[in-house]
Full PDB file with SEQRES, HELIX, SHEET, SSBOND, CRYST1, ORIGX, SCALE, CONECT and MASTER records, all heavy atoms in Angstrom:
SEQRES   1 A   39  ILE VAL LEU VAL LEU ALA LYS LYS ASN GLY ILE PRO THR          
SEQRES   2 A   39  ILE GLU GLN PHE ALA ILE ASP ILE CYS LYS HIS PHE MET          
SEQRES   3 A   39  THR THR PHE CYS GLN VAL ALA TYR VAL LYS THR TYR VAL          
HELIX    1 AA1 VAL A    2  ASN A    9  1                                   8    
HELIX    2 AA2 ILE A   14  THR A   28  1                                  15    
CRYST1    1.000    1.000    1.000  90.00  90.00  90.00 P 1           1          
ORIGX1      1.000000  0.000000  0.000000        0.00000                         
ORIGX2      0.000000  1.000000  0.000000        0.00000                         
ORIGX3      0.000000  0.000000  1.000000        0.00000                         
SCALE1      1.000000  0.000000  0.000000        0.00000                         
SCALE2      0.000000  1.000000  0.000000        0.00000                         
SCALE3      0.000000  0.000000  1.000000        0.00000                         
ATOM      1  N   ILE A   1       0.832  -1.190   0.015  1.00  0.00           N  
ATOM      2  CA  ILE A   1      -0.009   0.027   0.009  1.00  0.00           C  
ATOM      3  C   ILE A   1       0.862   1.272  -0.022  1.00  0.00           C  
ATOM      4  O   ILE A   1       0.605   2.198  -0.746  1.00  0.00           O  
ATOM      5  CB  ILE A   1      -0.937  -0.016   1.228  1.00  0.00           C  
ATOM      6  CG1 ILE A   1      -2.055  -1.059   1.011  1.00  0.00           C  
ATOM      7  CG2 ILE A   1      -1.570   1.364   1.463  1.00  0.00           C  
ATOM      8  CD1 ILE A   1      -2.922  -1.284   2.239  1.00  0.00           C  
ATOM      9  N   VAL A   2       1.937   1.241   0.842  1.00  0.00           N  
ATOM     10  CA  VAL A   2       2.829   2.364   0.862  1.00  0.00           C  
ATOM     11  C   VAL A   2       3.484   2.638  -0.517  1.00  0.00           C  
ATOM     12  O   VAL A   2       3.526   3.765  -0.995  1.00  0.00           O  
ATOM     13  CB  VAL A   2       3.889   2.157   1.906  1.00  0.00           C  
ATOM     14  CG1 VAL A   2       5.014   3.224   1.846  1.00  0.00           C  
ATOM     15  CG2 VAL A   2       3.304   2.181   3.330  1.00  0.00           C  
ATOM     16  N   LEU A   3       3.911   1.549  -1.175  1.00  0.00           N  
ATOM     17  CA  LEU A   3       4.551   1.726  -2.478  1.00  0.00           C  
ATOM     18  C   LEU A   3       3.525   2.184  -3.522  1.00  0.00           C  
ATOM     19  O   LEU A   3       3.848   2.993  -4.369  1.00  0.00           O  
ATOM     20  CB  LEU A   3       5.151   0.362  -2.879  1.00  0.00           C  
ATOM     21  CG  LEU A   3       6.288  -0.165  -2.009  1.00  0.00           C  
ATOM     22  CD1 LEU A   3       6.750  -1.512  -2.440  1.00  0.00           C  
ATOM     23  CD2 LEU A   3       7.470   0.801  -1.976  1.00  0.00           C  
ATOM     24  N   VAL A   4       2.316   1.677  -3.444  1.00  0.00           N  
ATOM     25  CA  VAL A   4       1.254   2.089  -4.436  1.00  0.00           C  
ATOM     26  C   VAL A   4       0.920   3.572  -4.229  1.00  0.00           C  
ATOM     27  O   VAL A   4       0.748   4.345  -5.207  1.00  0.00           O  
ATOM     28  CB  VAL A   4       0.018   1.172  -4.304  1.00  0.00           C  
ATOM     29  CG1 VAL A   4      -1.130   1.786  -5.075  1.00  0.00           C  
ATOM     30  CG2 VAL A   4       0.324  -0.224  -4.817  1.00  0.00           C  
ATOM     31  N   LEU A   5       0.764   3.978  -2.979  1.00  0.00           N  
ATOM     32  CA  LEU A   5       0.505   5.434  -2.741  1.00  0.00           C  
ATOM     33  C   LEU A   5       1.636   6.291  -3.233  1.00  0.00           C  
ATOM     34  O   LEU A   5       1.401   7.391  -3.786  1.00  0.00           O  
ATOM     35  CB  LEU A   5       0.284   5.635  -1.240  1.00  0.00           C  
ATOM     36  CG  LEU A   5      -1.026   5.082  -0.674  1.00  0.00           C  
ATOM     37  CD1 LEU A   5      -1.027   5.211   0.852  1.00  0.00           C  
ATOM     38  CD2 LEU A   5      -2.238   5.748  -1.289  1.00  0.00           C  
ATOM     39  N   ALA A   6       2.869   5.834  -3.120  1.00  0.00           N  
ATOM     40  CA  ALA A   6       4.028   6.637  -3.616  1.00  0.00           C  
ATOM     41  C   ALA A   6       3.919   6.716  -5.145  1.00  0.00           C  
ATOM     42  O   ALA A   6       4.228   7.769  -5.729  1.00  0.00           O  
ATOM     43  CB  ALA A   6       5.346   5.982  -3.198  1.00  0.00           C  
ATOM     44  N   LYS A   7       3.503   5.624  -5.776  1.00  0.00           N  
ATOM     45  CA  LYS A   7       3.426   5.636  -7.245  1.00  0.00           C  
ATOM     46  C   LYS A   7       2.267   6.538  -7.696  1.00  0.00           C  
ATOM     47  O   LYS A   7       2.394   7.348  -8.628  1.00  0.00           O  
ATOM     48  CB  LYS A   7       3.162   4.205  -7.743  1.00  0.00           C  
ATOM     49  CG  LYS A   7       2.822   4.068  -9.229  1.00  0.00           C  
ATOM     50  CD  LYS A   7       3.982   4.539 -10.093  1.00  0.00           C  
ATOM     51  CE  LYS A   7       3.707   4.289 -11.590  1.00  0.00           C  
ATOM     52  NZ  LYS A   7       2.659   5.095 -12.152  1.00  0.00           N  
ATOM     53  N   LYS A   8       1.076   6.433  -7.036  1.00  0.00           N  
ATOM     54  CA  LYS A   8      -0.111   7.174  -7.479  1.00  0.00           C  
ATOM     55  C   LYS A   8      -0.036   8.644  -7.096  1.00  0.00           C  
ATOM     56  O   LYS A   8      -0.401   9.503  -7.909  1.00  0.00           O  
ATOM     57  CB  LYS A   8      -1.383   6.527  -6.909  1.00  0.00           C  
ATOM     58  CG  LYS A   8      -1.675   5.144  -7.518  1.00  0.00           C  
ATOM     59  CD  LYS A   8      -3.005   4.659  -6.926  1.00  0.00           C  
ATOM     60  CE  LYS A   8      -3.464   3.349  -7.638  1.00  0.00           C  
ATOM     61  NZ  LYS A   8      -4.739   2.861  -7.060  1.00  0.00           N  
ATOM     62  N   ASN A   9       0.362   8.932  -5.873  1.00  0.00           N  
ATOM     63  CA  ASN A   9       0.302  10.261  -5.349  1.00  0.00           C  
ATOM     64  C   ASN A   9       1.620  11.035  -5.418  1.00  0.00           C  
ATOM     65  O   ASN A   9       1.630  12.266  -5.274  1.00  0.00           O  
ATOM     66  CB  ASN A   9      -0.183  10.315  -3.895  1.00  0.00           C  
ATOM     67  CG  ASN A   9      -1.546   9.685  -3.719  1.00  0.00           C  
ATOM     68  OD1 ASN A   9      -2.281   9.466  -4.693  1.00  0.00           O  
ATOM     69  ND2 ASN A   9      -1.949   9.440  -2.491  1.00  0.00           N  
ATOM     70  N   GLY A  10       2.712  10.312  -5.595  1.00  0.00           N  
ATOM     71  CA  GLY A  10       4.007  10.946  -5.445  1.00  0.00           C  
ATOM     72  C   GLY A  10       4.255  11.297  -3.993  1.00  0.00           C  
ATOM     73  O   GLY A  10       3.498  10.948  -3.082  1.00  0.00           O  
ATOM     74  N   ILE A  11       5.406  12.010  -3.742  1.00  0.00           N  
ATOM     75  CA  ILE A  11       5.712  12.454  -2.394  1.00  0.00           C  
ATOM     76  C   ILE A  11       5.986  13.959  -2.465  1.00  0.00           C  
ATOM     77  O   ILE A  11       7.149  14.410  -2.512  1.00  0.00           O  
ATOM     78  CB  ILE A  11       6.955  11.689  -1.855  1.00  0.00           C  
ATOM     79  CG1 ILE A  11       6.760  10.190  -1.948  1.00  0.00           C  
ATOM     80  CG2 ILE A  11       7.207  12.087  -0.388  1.00  0.00           C  
ATOM     81  CD1 ILE A  11       7.923   9.392  -1.503  1.00  0.00           C  
ATOM     82  N   PRO A  12       4.930  14.786  -2.503  1.00  0.00           N  
ATOM     83  CA  PRO A  12       5.186  16.247  -2.538  1.00  0.00           C  
ATOM     84  C   PRO A  12       5.953  16.754  -1.364  1.00  0.00           C  
ATOM     85  O   PRO A  12       6.859  17.580  -1.486  1.00  0.00           O  
ATOM     86  CB  PRO A  12       3.713  16.820  -2.549  1.00  0.00           C  
ATOM     87  CG  PRO A  12       2.819  15.728  -2.054  1.00  0.00           C  
ATOM     88  CD  PRO A  12       3.489  14.436  -2.477  1.00  0.00           C  
ATOM     89  N   THR A  13       5.626  16.243  -0.161  1.00  0.00           N  
ATOM     90  CA  THR A  13       6.469  16.408   1.031  1.00  0.00           C  
ATOM     91  C   THR A  13       6.288  15.121   1.836  1.00  0.00           C  
ATOM     92  O   THR A  13       5.315  14.391   1.705  1.00  0.00           O  
ATOM     93  CB  THR A  13       5.958  17.608   1.902  1.00  0.00           C  
ATOM     94  OG1 THR A  13       4.687  17.345   2.436  1.00  0.00           O  
ATOM     95  CG2 THR A  13       5.945  18.896   1.136  1.00  0.00           C  
ATOM     96  N   ILE A  14       7.262  14.858   2.713  1.00  0.00           N  
ATOM     97  CA  ILE A  14       7.143  13.644   3.545  1.00  0.00           C  
ATOM     98  C   ILE A  14       5.959  13.747   4.511  1.00  0.00           C  
ATOM     99  O   ILE A  14       5.310  12.732   4.839  1.00  0.00           O  
ATOM    100  CB  ILE A  14       8.431  13.307   4.308  1.00  0.00           C  
ATOM    101  CG1 ILE A  14       8.831  14.455   5.264  1.00  0.00           C  
ATOM    102  CG2 ILE A  14       9.560  13.000   3.332  1.00  0.00           C  
ATOM    103  CD1 ILE A  14      10.006  14.045   6.186  1.00  0.00           C  
ATOM    104  N   GLU A  15       5.636  15.003   4.930  1.00  0.00           N  
ATOM    105  CA  GLU A  15       4.504  15.177   5.792  1.00  0.00           C  
ATOM    106  C   GLU A  15       3.186  14.820   5.106  1.00  0.00           C  
ATOM    107  O   GLU A  15       2.338  14.094   5.621  1.00  0.00           O  
ATOM    108  CB  GLU A  15       4.435  16.609   6.301  1.00  0.00           C  
ATOM    109  CG  GLU A  15       5.511  17.032   7.270  1.00  0.00           C  
ATOM    110  CD  GLU A  15       6.797  17.511   6.570  1.00  0.00           C  
ATOM    111  OE1 GLU A  15       6.872  17.431   5.364  1.00  0.00           O  
ATOM    112  OE2 GLU A  15       7.677  17.997   7.282  1.00  0.00           O  
ATOM    113  N   GLN A  16       3.044  15.292   3.882  1.00  0.00           N  
ATOM    114  CA  GLN A  16       1.823  14.969   3.144  1.00  0.00           C  
ATOM    115  C   GLN A  16       1.725  13.457   2.810  1.00  0.00           C  
ATOM    116  O   GLN A  16       0.623  12.903   2.806  1.00  0.00           O  
ATOM    117  CB  GLN A  16       1.791  15.798   1.811  1.00  0.00           C  
ATOM    118  CG  GLN A  16       0.491  15.643   1.000  1.00  0.00           C  
ATOM    119  CD  GLN A  16      -0.718  16.017   1.787  1.00  0.00           C  
ATOM    120  OE1 GLN A  16      -0.802  17.149   2.335  1.00  0.00           O  
ATOM    121  NE2 GLN A  16      -1.693  15.159   1.927  1.00  0.00           N  
ATOM    122  N   PHE A  17       2.863  12.869   2.569  1.00  0.00           N  
ATOM    123  CA  PHE A  17       2.884  11.404   2.272  1.00  0.00           C  
ATOM    124  C   PHE A  17       2.401  10.634   3.525  1.00  0.00           C  
ATOM    125  O   PHE A  17       1.640   9.670   3.464  1.00  0.00           O  
ATOM    126  CB  PHE A  17       4.284  10.985   1.841  1.00  0.00           C  
ATOM    127  CG  PHE A  17       4.337   9.547   1.379  1.00  0.00           C  
ATOM    128  CD1 PHE A  17       3.479   9.069   0.411  1.00  0.00           C  
ATOM    129  CD2 PHE A  17       5.270   8.698   1.865  1.00  0.00           C  
ATOM    130  CE1 PHE A  17       3.514   7.741  -0.047  1.00  0.00           C  
ATOM    131  CE2 PHE A  17       5.340   7.385   1.422  1.00  0.00           C  
ATOM    132  CZ  PHE A  17       4.472   6.914   0.480  1.00  0.00           C  
ATOM    133  N   ALA A  18       2.919  11.041   4.708  1.00  0.00           N  
ATOM    134  CA  ALA A  18       2.480  10.399   5.964  1.00  0.00           C  
ATOM    135  C   ALA A  18       0.956  10.562   6.169  1.00  0.00           C  
ATOM    136  O   ALA A  18       0.298   9.635   6.584  1.00  0.00           O  
ATOM    137  CB  ALA A  18       3.257  10.963   7.149  1.00  0.00           C  
ATOM    138  N   ILE A  19       0.452  11.767   5.875  1.00  0.00           N  
ATOM    139  CA  ILE A  19      -0.993  12.009   5.967  1.00  0.00           C  
ATOM    140  C   ILE A  19      -1.738  11.110   5.018  1.00  0.00           C  
ATOM    141  O   ILE A  19      -2.782  10.533   5.384  1.00  0.00           O  
ATOM    142  CB  ILE A  19      -1.285  13.487   5.699  1.00  0.00           C  
ATOM    143  CG1 ILE A  19      -0.755  14.373   6.857  1.00  0.00           C  
ATOM    144  CG2 ILE A  19      -2.766  13.735   5.498  1.00  0.00           C  
ATOM    145  CD1 ILE A  19      -0.768  15.820   6.523  1.00  0.00           C  
ATOM    146  N   ASP A  20      -1.257  10.993   3.765  1.00  0.00           N  
ATOM    147  CA  ASP A  20      -1.903  10.154   2.809  1.00  0.00           C  
ATOM    148  C   ASP A  20      -1.999   8.657   3.273  1.00  0.00           C  
ATOM    149  O   ASP A  20      -3.009   8.014   3.078  1.00  0.00           O  
ATOM    150  CB  ASP A  20      -1.163  10.181   1.437  1.00  0.00           C  
ATOM    151  CG  ASP A  20      -1.309  11.520   0.738  1.00  0.00           C  
ATOM    152  OD1 ASP A  20      -2.174  12.340   1.168  1.00  0.00           O  
ATOM    153  OD2 ASP A  20      -0.500  11.797  -0.198  1.00  0.00           O  
ATOM    154  N   ILE A  21      -0.912   8.186   3.861  1.00  0.00           N  
ATOM    155  CA  ILE A  21      -0.896   6.819   4.337  1.00  0.00           C  
ATOM    156  C   ILE A  21      -1.938   6.633   5.465  1.00  0.00           C  
ATOM    157  O   ILE A  21      -2.729   5.682   5.448  1.00  0.00           O  
ATOM    158  CB  ILE A  21       0.502   6.433   4.840  1.00  0.00           C  
ATOM    159  CG1 ILE A  21       1.495   6.443   3.645  1.00  0.00           C  
ATOM    160  CG2 ILE A  21       0.490   5.052   5.533  1.00  0.00           C  
ATOM    161  CD1 ILE A  21       2.947   6.284   4.048  1.00  0.00           C  
ATOM    162  N   CYS A  22      -1.920   7.540   6.415  1.00  0.00           N  
ATOM    163  CA  CYS A  22      -2.887   7.459   7.532  1.00  0.00           C  
ATOM    164  C   CYS A  22      -4.311   7.497   7.005  1.00  0.00           C  
ATOM    165  O   CYS A  22      -5.155   6.663   7.425  1.00  0.00           O  
ATOM    166  CB  CYS A  22      -2.661   8.573   8.508  1.00  0.00           C  
ATOM    167  SG  CYS A  22      -1.234   8.374   9.614  1.00  0.00           S  
ATOM    168  N   LYS A  23      -4.607   8.407   6.129  1.00  0.00           N  
ATOM    169  CA  LYS A  23      -6.004   8.544   5.610  1.00  0.00           C  
ATOM    170  C   LYS A  23      -6.374   7.289   4.835  1.00  0.00           C  
ATOM    171  O   LYS A  23      -7.562   6.868   4.914  1.00  0.00           O  
ATOM    172  CB  LYS A  23      -6.091   9.772   4.750  1.00  0.00           C  
ATOM    173  CG  LYS A  23      -6.101  11.090   5.540  1.00  0.00           C  
ATOM    174  CD  LYS A  23      -6.293  12.274   4.643  1.00  0.00           C  
ATOM    175  CE  LYS A  23      -6.420  13.573   5.414  1.00  0.00           C  
ATOM    176  NZ  LYS A  23      -6.638  14.744   4.569  1.00  0.00           N  
ATOM    177  N   HIS A  24      -5.449   6.699   4.094  1.00  0.00           N  
ATOM    178  CA  HIS A  24      -5.824   5.479   3.339  1.00  0.00           C  
ATOM    179  C   HIS A  24      -6.237   4.365   4.264  1.00  0.00           C  
ATOM    180  O   HIS A  24      -7.272   3.716   4.022  1.00  0.00           O  
ATOM    181  CB  HIS A  24      -4.612   5.033   2.471  1.00  0.00           C  
ATOM    182  CG  HIS A  24      -4.882   3.813   1.709  1.00  0.00           C  
ATOM    183  ND1 HIS A  24      -5.482   3.838   0.464  1.00  0.00           N  
ATOM    184  CD2 HIS A  24      -4.685   2.502   1.973  1.00  0.00           C  
ATOM    185  CE1 HIS A  24      -5.626   2.598   0.022  1.00  0.00           C  
ATOM    186  NE2 HIS A  24      -5.140   1.753   0.932  1.00  0.00           N  
ATOM    187  N   PHE A  25      -5.473   4.103   5.331  1.00  0.00           N  
ATOM    188  CA  PHE A  25      -5.832   2.991   6.199  1.00  0.00           C  
ATOM    189  C   PHE A  25      -7.135   3.292   6.943  1.00  0.00           C  
ATOM    190  O   PHE A  25      -7.917   2.381   7.200  1.00  0.00           O  
ATOM    191  CB  PHE A  25      -4.664   2.754   7.191  1.00  0.00           C  
ATOM    192  CG  PHE A  25      -3.580   1.937   6.589  1.00  0.00           C  
ATOM    193  CD1 PHE A  25      -2.391   2.557   6.145  1.00  0.00           C  
ATOM    194  CD2 PHE A  25      -3.669   0.581   6.406  1.00  0.00           C  
ATOM    195  CE1 PHE A  25      -1.372   1.813   5.597  1.00  0.00           C  
ATOM    196  CE2 PHE A  25      -2.657  -0.196   5.849  1.00  0.00           C  
ATOM    197  CZ  PHE A  25      -1.507   0.484   5.432  1.00  0.00           C  
ATOM    198  N   MET A  26      -7.308   4.517   7.344  1.00  0.00           N  
ATOM    199  CA  MET A  26      -8.575   4.894   8.094  1.00  0.00           C  
ATOM    200  C   MET A  26      -9.811   4.795   7.198  1.00  0.00           C  
ATOM    201  O   MET A  26     -10.869   4.381   7.664  1.00  0.00           O  
ATOM    202  CB  MET A  26      -8.458   6.307   8.651  1.00  0.00           C  
ATOM    203  CG  MET A  26      -7.808   6.377   9.997  1.00  0.00           C  
ATOM    204  SD  MET A  26      -8.767   5.481  11.234  1.00  0.00           S  
ATOM    205  CE  MET A  26      -7.658   5.512  12.637  1.00  0.00           C  
ATOM    206  N   THR A  27      -9.686   5.167   5.979  1.00  0.00           N  
ATOM    207  CA  THR A  27     -10.890   5.189   5.093  1.00  0.00           C  
ATOM    208  C   THR A  27     -11.115   3.891   4.385  1.00  0.00           C  
ATOM    209  O   THR A  27     -12.223   3.630   3.890  1.00  0.00           O  
ATOM    210  CB  THR A  27     -10.727   6.302   4.040  1.00  0.00           C  
ATOM    211  OG1 THR A  27      -9.533   6.107   3.269  1.00  0.00           O  
ATOM    212  CG2 THR A  27     -10.703   7.683   4.696  1.00  0.00           C  
ATOM    213  N   THR A  28     -10.102   3.036   4.332  1.00  0.00           N  
ATOM    214  CA  THR A  28     -10.209   1.752   3.554  1.00  0.00           C  
ATOM    215  C   THR A  28     -10.606   0.598   4.445  1.00  0.00           C  
ATOM    216  O   THR A  28     -11.339  -0.312   4.022  1.00  0.00           O  
ATOM    217  CB  THR A  28      -8.898   1.464   2.827  1.00  0.00           C  
ATOM    218  OG1 THR A  28      -8.540   2.579   1.989  1.00  0.00           O  
ATOM    219  CG2 THR A  28      -9.052   0.229   1.916  1.00  0.00           C  
ATOM    220  N   PHE A  29     -10.135   0.561   5.678  1.00  0.00           N  
ATOM    221  CA  PHE A  29     -10.287  -0.587   6.544  1.00  0.00           C  
ATOM    222  C   PHE A  29     -11.052  -0.208   7.794  1.00  0.00           C  
ATOM    223  O   PHE A  29     -10.577   0.512   8.645  1.00  0.00           O  
ATOM    224  CB  PHE A  29      -8.915  -1.178   6.944  1.00  0.00           C  
ATOM    225  CG  PHE A  29      -8.043  -1.550   5.764  1.00  0.00           C  
ATOM    226  CD1 PHE A  29      -7.052  -0.684   5.344  1.00  0.00           C  
ATOM    227  CD2 PHE A  29      -8.248  -2.727   5.081  1.00  0.00           C  
ATOM    228  CE1 PHE A  29      -6.212  -1.010   4.252  1.00  0.00           C  
ATOM    229  CE2 PHE A  29      -7.467  -3.060   3.989  1.00  0.00           C  
ATOM    230  CZ  PHE A  29      -6.453  -2.218   3.602  1.00  0.00           C  
ATOM    231  N   CYS A  30     -12.269  -0.691   7.957  1.00  0.00           N  
ATOM    232  CA  CYS A  30     -13.117  -0.380   9.057  1.00  0.00           C  
ATOM    233  C   CYS A  30     -12.632  -0.992  10.385  1.00  0.00           C  
ATOM    234  O   CYS A  30     -12.966  -0.545  11.439  1.00  0.00           O  
ATOM    235  CB  CYS A  30     -14.597  -0.794   8.803  1.00  0.00           C  
ATOM    236  SG  CYS A  30     -14.799  -2.535   8.553  1.00  0.00           S  
ATOM    237  N   GLN A  31     -11.739  -2.031  10.286  1.00  0.00           N  
ATOM    238  CA  GLN A  31     -11.235  -2.672  11.516  1.00  0.00           C  
ATOM    239  C   GLN A  31     -10.027  -1.923  12.081  1.00  0.00           C  
ATOM    240  O   GLN A  31      -9.527  -2.303  13.174  1.00  0.00           O  
ATOM    241  CB  GLN A  31     -10.844  -4.112  11.212  1.00  0.00           C  
ATOM    242  CG  GLN A  31      -9.603  -4.318  10.339  1.00  0.00           C  
ATOM    243  CD  GLN A  31      -9.983  -4.492   8.863  1.00  0.00           C  
ATOM    244  OE1 GLN A  31     -10.794  -3.758   8.363  1.00  0.00           O  
ATOM    245  NE2 GLN A  31      -9.361  -5.446   8.222  1.00  0.00           N  
ATOM    246  N   VAL A  32      -9.569  -0.851  11.454  1.00  0.00           N  
ATOM    247  CA  VAL A  32      -8.421  -0.081  11.926  1.00  0.00           C  
ATOM    248  C   VAL A  32      -8.898   0.960  12.935  1.00  0.00           C  
ATOM    249  O   VAL A  32      -9.718   1.805  12.594  1.00  0.00           O  
ATOM    250  CB  VAL A  32      -7.628   0.572  10.795  1.00  0.00           C  
ATOM    251  CG1 VAL A  32      -6.560   1.509  11.363  1.00  0.00           C  
ATOM    252  CG2 VAL A  32      -6.984  -0.481   9.903  1.00  0.00           C  
ATOM    253  N   ALA A  33      -8.416   0.869  14.187  1.00  0.00           N  
ATOM    254  CA  ALA A  33      -8.794   1.845  15.228  1.00  0.00           C  
ATOM    255  C   ALA A  33      -7.779   2.984  15.357  1.00  0.00           C  
ATOM    256  O   ALA A  33      -8.115   4.061  15.816  1.00  0.00           O  
ATOM    257  CB  ALA A  33      -8.940   1.129  16.551  1.00  0.00           C  
ATOM    258  N   TYR A  34      -6.528   2.700  14.975  1.00  0.00           N  
ATOM    259  CA  TYR A  34      -5.469   3.682  15.129  1.00  0.00           C  
ATOM    260  C   TYR A  34      -4.359   3.366  14.127  1.00  0.00           C  
ATOM    261  O   TYR A  34      -4.038   2.196  13.853  1.00  0.00           O  
ATOM    262  CB  TYR A  34      -4.939   3.572  16.569  1.00  0.00           C  
ATOM    263  CG  TYR A  34      -3.621   4.325  16.802  1.00  0.00           C  
ATOM    264  CD1 TYR A  34      -3.671   5.688  17.111  1.00  0.00           C  
ATOM    265  CD2 TYR A  34      -2.367   3.678  16.731  1.00  0.00           C  
ATOM    266  CE1 TYR A  34      -2.469   6.390  17.348  1.00  0.00           C  
ATOM    267  CE2 TYR A  34      -1.211   4.381  16.989  1.00  0.00           C  
ATOM    268  CZ  TYR A  34      -1.252   5.731  17.274  1.00  0.00           C  
ATOM    269  OH  TYR A  34      -0.081   6.419  17.535  1.00  0.00           O  
ATOM    270  N   VAL A  35      -3.797   4.397  13.594  1.00  0.00           N  
ATOM    271  CA  VAL A  35      -2.699   4.245  12.635  1.00  0.00           C  
ATOM    272  C   VAL A  35      -1.629   5.303  12.959  1.00  0.00           C  
ATOM    273  O   VAL A  35      -1.948   6.450  13.277  1.00  0.00           O  
ATOM    274  CB  VAL A  35      -3.164   4.374  11.172  1.00  0.00           C  
ATOM    275  CG1 VAL A  35      -3.867   5.694  10.873  1.00  0.00           C  
ATOM    276  CG2 VAL A  35      -1.968   4.205  10.182  1.00  0.00           C  
ATOM    277  N   LYS A  36      -0.403   4.869  12.867  1.00  0.00           N  
ATOM    278  CA  LYS A  36       0.715   5.774  13.095  1.00  0.00           C  
ATOM    279  C   LYS A  36       1.778   5.525  11.980  1.00  0.00           C  
ATOM    280  O   LYS A  36       2.104   4.381  11.700  1.00  0.00           O  
ATOM    281  CB  LYS A  36       1.371   5.590  14.451  1.00  0.00           C  
ATOM    282  CG  LYS A  36       2.555   6.495  14.689  1.00  0.00           C  
ATOM    283  CD  LYS A  36       3.098   6.280  16.124  1.00  0.00           C  
ATOM    284  CE  LYS A  36       4.229   7.273  16.447  1.00  0.00           C  
ATOM    285  NZ  LYS A  36       4.692   7.102  17.811  1.00  0.00           N  
ATOM    286  N   THR A  37       2.220   6.596  11.355  1.00  0.00           N  
ATOM    287  CA  THR A  37       3.187   6.459  10.224  1.00  0.00           C  
ATOM    288  C   THR A  37       4.347   7.377  10.501  1.00  0.00           C  
ATOM    289  O   THR A  37       4.187   8.550  10.800  1.00  0.00           O  
ATOM    290  CB  THR A  37       2.507   6.821   8.918  1.00  0.00           C  
ATOM    291  OG1 THR A  37       1.465   5.921   8.630  1.00  0.00           O  
ATOM    292  CG2 THR A  37       3.521   6.725   7.739  1.00  0.00           C  
ATOM    293  N   TYR A  38       5.543   6.781  10.341  1.00  0.00           N  
ATOM    294  CA  TYR A  38       6.799   7.538  10.469  1.00  0.00           C  
ATOM    295  C   TYR A  38       7.490   7.542   9.100  1.00  0.00           C  
ATOM    296  O   TYR A  38       7.583   6.481   8.469  1.00  0.00           O  
ATOM    297  CB  TYR A  38       7.698   6.848  11.519  1.00  0.00           C  
ATOM    298  CG  TYR A  38       9.093   7.458  11.588  1.00  0.00           C  
ATOM    299  CD1 TYR A  38       9.405   8.488  12.430  1.00  0.00           C  
ATOM    300  CD2 TYR A  38      10.128   6.875  10.840  1.00  0.00           C  
ATOM    301  CE1 TYR A  38      10.700   9.008  12.510  1.00  0.00           C  
ATOM    302  CE2 TYR A  38      11.430   7.397  10.870  1.00  0.00           C  
ATOM    303  CZ  TYR A  38      11.668   8.449  11.725  1.00  0.00           C  
ATOM    304  OH  TYR A  38      12.946   8.983  11.799  1.00  0.00           O  
ATOM    305  N   VAL A  39       7.956   8.691   8.681  1.00  0.00           N  
ATOM    306  CA  VAL A  39       8.666   8.784   7.421  1.00  0.00           C  
ATOM    307  C   VAL A  39       9.902   9.649   7.632  1.00  0.00           C  
ATOM    308  O   VAL A  39       9.869  10.723   8.245  1.00  0.00           O  
ATOM    309  CB  VAL A  39       7.788   9.526   6.352  1.00  0.00           C  
ATOM    310  CG1 VAL A  39       8.497   9.474   4.997  1.00  0.00           C  
ATOM    311  CG2 VAL A  39       6.419   8.825   6.183  1.00  0.00           C  
TER     312      VAL A  39                                                      
MASTER        0    0    0    2    0    0    0    6  311    1    0    3          
END                                                                             
């Protein structure tokens, strides 16, 4: 998922990329209660 998001969205900034990853897991998987991403 991380690699696909990098391909589709690029990495405009590492902060935005971390936000994109968090949002993807929260909006895609209803069983996720918490997500943390370090870049």
